[in-house]
Amino acid sequence: MTLPDAPRPPTRAAHLVPLLCWLALVADGYELFAYGATVPGLLADPGWAVTPAGAGAVGSLALGGVLAGSLVAGTLTDLLGRRRLFVLSISVFSLAMFACALAPSFGVFATCRLVAGLGIGGLLPTAVALTSEFAAPGRRSRIIGAVLTGPPLGGLLASGAAVAVVADGGFRWVYGLGVLPLLLVPVALRLLPESPAFLRARGRTAEADRIAARFGLPTPSAAPATAAGRRFPVAALFADGRGPVTLGLWLVNVCSLLVVFGVSTWLPQIMRGAGYGVSSAIGFLLLYSAGAIVGTLLAAALAERVGAKAMVLAGFLSAAAALALIATTPPTGLVVLLVALAGFGGLGTQNMVNDHVAGYYPAAARATGLGWALGVGRIGAIVGPTYGALFVGAGSAVAAASLAFAGPALVGALVMSRLPRRDRTASGDVPQAEPARTGLAA
């Protein structure tokens, strides 16, 4: 097998793609987590008469759009190119968020959230695939981890905006601010390059080499994609014995996203039931996002030593432990720490799952692998808000909901423990460095 060329010295341009992807994912996280931050305001609005069951249903409906966006865009990026889908996704969710701010009824609002979900679901696999490809191979986990702080940071910004306005009945302003990411569109059209792996798969080798040289990327000698692989990129996820691992990764994503979106949708309302005021209850969602940011950065740095798989396991177990302890209704100071730990174990774990999936599949199938893993995982995301609604009205909502979400986290840890670190059959790609010493199964 011909080895890839050695990586070229990084250039200043090498930081451009991760920066643009990070900014886009900040916007993506804001749009995604704005709903959970505004649920208390929606429930309190007398004109719309929203019930907890209705709020849960709309949360699930919007995540159905995210599922469709992940499946369709994750495949289209490998067929049409990363750059076009990146720009289209931002445009769709920004305009839909603005429409949410102007919605005259809860039904119209729900439709706009569904459309926003299509764009939100399309961006993440595209951005992670681009980041993974343009990141320096020796620092890939750390760079992906830094970029994946974008969604929880966006969630933190959404929570901060909601804290400022929801208590006064101004939840529409949270959605109106969601139009600002449109400012990224002309910047991306001008500066964001196309994926060299995509260009090579289409026979545009000279163009791919020019981009690789500009960004200091290695130029792998990859075997050409088969005709079936070009026409049906999903088939690559099951080729060369990858099928069982692909199905396992899908189940891990289902568990992870059920916990993430169930907790993020209902955490403020659960804390309202525990006796906290509106602003304080929403503030717990801010802590959840902050825990995810700090946890993702630490986990990404550690992943370069022990592998992303180990950090996924640590995250799932942390989430389960933190949620189980929250169920005991400890003092406020301890609740603050546990919510932050649950943030790492929830959204932080999902970020490490994305890192693991990006490192598992070869470059030509990376966006498809990410898109389908996230897309199928959205089944858990769709179920999460409705699942949580079953426990919010229970006699002891804090204990019931916390324990209910600890269960899927434990299942995710069990499945992940049986999966390999990365695909050993991939060729023509620059793999992530293997950890020097680890007890994990290869």
Foldseek 3Di string as FASTA:
>chain_A
DDFWDDFFPFDPLLVVLLVLLLQLLLLLLLLLLLLLLQVVLVCPDPVAPADLLNSLQLLLLLLLLLLVLLQVLLVVCLQPFLLVLQLVLLQQLLVLLQQLLVDPYVVSNSVSSSRNSNSSNNNVLSSLLRLQQSPDQLQSLLSLLLSLLSNLNSNLVSLVVSLVPSVVSNSSVSSNVSNVSNVSNVVSVVRPDTALLSCVLVVNNVVSVVVCVVRRGIQFPADHDDPCCNVPVVVLCPPPNNVVQLVLLLLLLQLQLLLQQLCSNCQLLLVVVVPDDNSVSSVLSSLLSVLLSVLSNVLSVCCSAANLLVQLLVLLLQLLVLLQVQLVVDDPVSVSVSSSSNSCSRSVSVSSSLSQQQQAGASSSSSNSSSNSNSSSSVSNSVNSSVLSVQSPDPNSSNVSSNVSSVSSVVSSVSSQPHDSHHPPDPRHSHRDHHPDYPGDD
